[in-house]
Protein backbone atom coordinates (compact mmCIF):
# COMPACT_ATOMS: atom_id res chain seq x y z
CA UNK A 1 23.22 88.43 114.72
CA UNK A 2 23.59 89.61 111.16
CA UNK A 3 27.42 90.76 111.61
CA UNK A 4 27.67 87.13 113.30
CA UNK A 5 25.69 85.33 109.83
CA UNK A 6 27.65 88.05 107.88
CA UNK A 7 31.21 86.68 109.62
CA UNK A 8 30.71 83.07 109.11
CA UNK A 9 29.41 83.49 105.21
CA UNK A 10 32.68 85.68 104.53
CA UNK A 11 34.80 82.56 106.05
CA UNK A 12 32.96 80.54 103.99
CA UNK A 13 33.57 82.27 100.92
CA UNK A 14 37.20 82.84 101.69
CA UNK A 15 37.95 79.03 102.61
CA UNK A 16 36.45 77.99 99.56
CA UNK A 17 37.86 80.43 97.41
CA UNK A 18 41.26 79.44 98.73
CA UNK A 19 40.32 75.45 98.31
CA UNK A 20 39.63 76.11 94.60
CA UNK A 21 42.85 78.49 93.99
CA UNK A 22 45.14 75.33 95.68
CA UNK A 23 42.85 72.52 94.61
CA UNK A 24 45.33 69.45 92.15
CA UNK A 25 48.67 71.59 92.69
CA UNK A 26 49.64 72.79 96.20
CA UNK A 27 49.59 69.63 98.44
CA UNK A 28 51.57 67.45 95.56
CA UNK A 29 53.89 70.12 95.34
CA UNK A 30 54.25 70.90 98.97
CA UNK A 31 54.59 66.89 99.63
CA UNK A 32 57.22 66.55 97.22
CA UNK A 33 58.73 69.64 98.43
CA UNK A 34 58.54 68.43 101.94
CA UNK A 35 60.32 65.37 101.12
CA UNK A 36 62.76 66.71 99.11
CA UNK A 37 63.84 69.06 102.11
CA UNK A 38 63.90 66.67 104.39
CA UNK A 39 64.40 63.28 103.28
CA UNK A 40 66.20 63.63 99.69
CA UNK A 41 69.61 64.28 101.14
CA UNK A 42 69.05 61.86 103.61
CA UNK A 43 68.75 58.86 101.49
CA UNK A 44 70.74 60.03 98.92
CA UNK A 45 73.85 60.38 101.19
CA UNK A 46 72.74 56.79 102.18
CA UNK A 47 72.85 55.48 98.90
CA UNK A 48 76.54 56.98 98.16
CA UNK A 49 77.82 54.56 100.88
CA UNK A 50 76.39 51.45 99.45
CA UNK A 51 78.30 51.87 95.85
CA UNK A 52 81.55 51.67 95.36
CA UNK A 53 80.98 52.76 91.49
CA UNK A 54 78.46 53.41 89.03
CA UNK A 55 77.27 50.46 88.97
CA UNK A 56 79.28 48.71 91.77
CA UNK A 57 77.88 48.20 94.90
CA UNK A 58 80.61 48.23 97.60
CA UNK A 59 80.37 45.30 100.52
CA UNK A 60 79.07 47.74 102.85
CA UNK A 61 75.85 47.47 101.78
CA UNK A 62 75.55 43.93 102.39
CA UNK A 63 76.73 45.28 106.10
CA UNK A 64 73.91 47.68 106.28
CA UNK A 65 71.07 45.75 104.72
CA UNK A 66 72.04 42.28 104.90
CA UNK A 67 73.57 41.83 108.23
CA UNK A 68 72.53 38.13 109.28
CA UNK A 69 73.33 36.63 105.07
CA UNK A 70 76.76 38.41 105.90
CA UNK A 71 77.34 36.66 109.64
CA UNK A 72 75.77 33.60 108.04
CA UNK A 73 78.52 33.40 105.67
CA UNK A 74 80.90 34.29 108.37
CA UNK A 75 81.67 37.84 107.22
CA UNK A 76 82.59 37.01 103.28
CA UNK A 77 80.07 39.31 101.16
CA UNK A 78 80.69 37.03 97.86
CA UNK A 79 79.06 34.01 99.79
CA UNK A 80 76.16 35.62 100.57
CA UNK A 81 73.57 33.90 97.73
CA UNK A 82 71.83 36.45 95.34
CA UNK A 83 68.44 34.96 96.15
CA UNK A 84 67.11 36.43 98.85
CA UNK A 85 70.13 38.72 100.40
CA UNK A 86 71.15 39.82 96.78
CA UNK A 87 68.18 40.85 95.18
CA UNK A 88 67.44 42.92 98.29
CA UNK A 89 70.99 44.68 98.50
CA UNK A 90 70.53 45.47 94.64
CA UNK A 91 66.86 46.56 94.80
CA UNK A 92 67.46 48.47 98.19
CA UNK A 93 70.39 50.54 96.94
CA UNK A 94 69.42 51.27 93.61
CA UNK A 95 65.65 52.22 94.92
CA UNK A 96 67.13 54.59 97.50
CA UNK A 97 68.37 56.94 94.69
CA UNK A 98 65.96 56.21 91.96
CA UNK A 99 62.32 56.36 94.11
CA UNK A 100 63.88 60.06 95.88
CA UNK A 101 64.61 60.97 92.21
CA UNK A 102 61.29 60.09 90.77
CA UNK A 103 59.25 61.06 93.34
CA UNK A 104 60.74 64.94 93.21
CA UNK A 105 60.37 65.25 88.90
CA UNK A 106 56.76 63.96 89.64
CA UNK A 107 57.65 61.34 87.31
CA UNK A 108 55.40 57.32 87.79
CA UNK A 109 54.48 59.05 91.85
CA UNK A 110 51.79 57.41 92.98
CA UNK A 111 54.33 54.05 92.40
CA UNK A 112 57.69 55.79 93.85
CA UNK A 113 55.87 56.76 96.68
CA UNK A 114 54.24 53.23 97.64
CA UNK A 115 57.69 52.33 97.36
CA UNK A 116 59.27 54.60 99.09
CA UNK A 117 56.78 53.73 102.00
CA UNK A 118 57.77 49.97 102.09
CA UNK A 119 61.63 51.48 101.82
CA UNK A 120 60.93 52.89 105.08
CA UNK A 121 58.77 49.88 107.19
CA UNK A 122 61.83 47.25 105.76
CA UNK A 123 64.46 50.18 107.00
CA UNK A 124 62.66 50.94 110.19
CA UNK A 125 61.99 46.71 110.40
CA UNK A 126 65.63 45.87 109.86
CA UNK A 127 67.31 48.62 112.40
CA UNK A 128 65.03 47.17 115.12
CA UNK A 129 65.22 43.61 114.42
CA UNK A 130 68.94 43.34 112.97
CA UNK A 131 70.71 46.02 114.44
CA UNK A 132 68.88 45.84 117.73
CA UNK A 133 68.60 49.71 118.50
CA UNK A 134 67.50 50.16 121.73
CA UNK A 135 64.11 51.04 123.35
CA UNK A 136 64.60 55.07 123.44
CA UNK A 137 65.72 55.06 119.92
CA UNK A 138 62.38 53.02 118.45
CA UNK A 139 60.10 55.21 120.86
CA UNK A 140 56.49 55.18 121.26
CA UNK A 141 53.28 56.27 119.70
CA UNK A 142 50.84 58.02 121.70
CA UNK A 143 53.51 59.24 124.47
CA UNK A 144 54.39 62.64 125.24
CA UNK A 145 57.88 62.53 123.75
CA UNK A 146 57.18 63.34 119.62
CA UNK A 147 61.10 63.25 118.85
CA UNK A 148 61.83 59.37 118.52
CA UNK A 149 64.19 58.55 115.74
CA UNK A 150 62.13 55.59 114.47
CA UNK A 151 58.57 55.83 115.35
CA UNK A 152 58.00 59.32 115.49
CA UNK A 153 60.17 60.27 113.47
CA UNK A 154 59.28 57.84 110.31
CA UNK A 155 55.62 58.10 110.82
CA UNK A 156 56.39 61.64 109.72
CA UNK A 157 58.53 60.47 107.27
CA UNK A 158 55.41 58.13 105.43
CA UNK A 159 52.63 60.84 106.22
CA UNK A 160 53.69 63.14 102.74
CA UNK A 161 54.31 59.60 100.98
CA UNK A 162 50.63 58.67 101.77
CA UNK A 163 49.34 61.50 100.63
CA UNK A 164 51.37 61.48 97.25
CA UNK A 165 50.65 57.69 96.61
CA UNK A 166 46.79 58.36 97.38
CA UNK A 167 46.63 61.77 95.08
CA UNK A 168 49.38 61.53 93.26
CA UNK A 169 52.03 64.63 92.29
CA UNK A 170 49.45 67.30 91.16
CA UNK A 171 49.21 69.70 88.18
CA UNK A 172 52.94 70.86 88.65
CA UNK A 173 54.35 67.35 87.49
CA UNK A 174 55.89 65.23 84.83
CA UNK A 175 52.99 62.92 85.49
CA UNK A 176 50.62 65.26 84.50
CA UNK A 177 52.67 66.52 81.22
CA UNK A 178 52.50 62.70 80.26
CA UNK A 179 48.95 62.41 80.86
CA UNK A 180 48.19 65.33 79.01
CA UNK A 181 50.06 64.22 75.82
CA UNK A 182 48.78 60.84 76.31
CA UNK A 183 45.19 62.20 76.15
CA UNK A 184 45.58 64.16 73.13
CA UNK A 185 47.57 61.43 71.43
CA UNK A 186 44.26 59.12 72.62
CA UNK A 187 41.81 62.13 70.93
CA UNK A 188 43.79 62.51 68.06
CA UNK A 189 43.98 58.86 66.80
CA UNK A 190 40.27 58.81 67.39
CA UNK A 191 39.45 61.48 65.51
CA UNK A 192 41.54 59.67 62.70
CA UNK A 193 39.61 56.33 63.14
CA UNK A 194 42.39 54.22 64.39
CA UNK A 195 40.81 53.44 67.65
CA UNK A 196 37.20 52.98 66.05
CA UNK A 197 35.58 50.17 67.39
CA UNK A 198 35.66 46.76 65.59
CA UNK A 199 32.52 45.03 64.58
């Protein structure tokens, strides 16, 4: 009985030590590395198809994002109204580049992760409602097949983003650097009396 108690205590000490050693940096960094390895190449490659120059959105972006509006305009992209369709194409095209880069850098991570979650949800709805993908591609949750392109994969895509949206990027990020610099600045201003409360 004593050896069993010793083993349990050893396990508890080991788990606590490991948790303390990894706390505040490991999961945020891992979530960003998973995002970098799995999704950043996909999104950057997709974004490149939406531009005909550094600041020029290609007609193809309208076909990818706003197909119903292009169809309603008789295939003439220039006839598509800016609001809401052109704005959606603009935000979607630039968001597909900017948001992944912010997440990898750990800059404004929570906001960027929320933006990417929204992006994945809109992308999924566009695939289902606009591009009419088939039921096999959509798949189903809680079934025995874990490899559907839409529901299974995109739920797994959202998980590291959800972690980052809730917990942030962690210590090894530009967010932490900016927070440290901001805190030092506020402390310096308090010490100099510039932030002293007024009567």
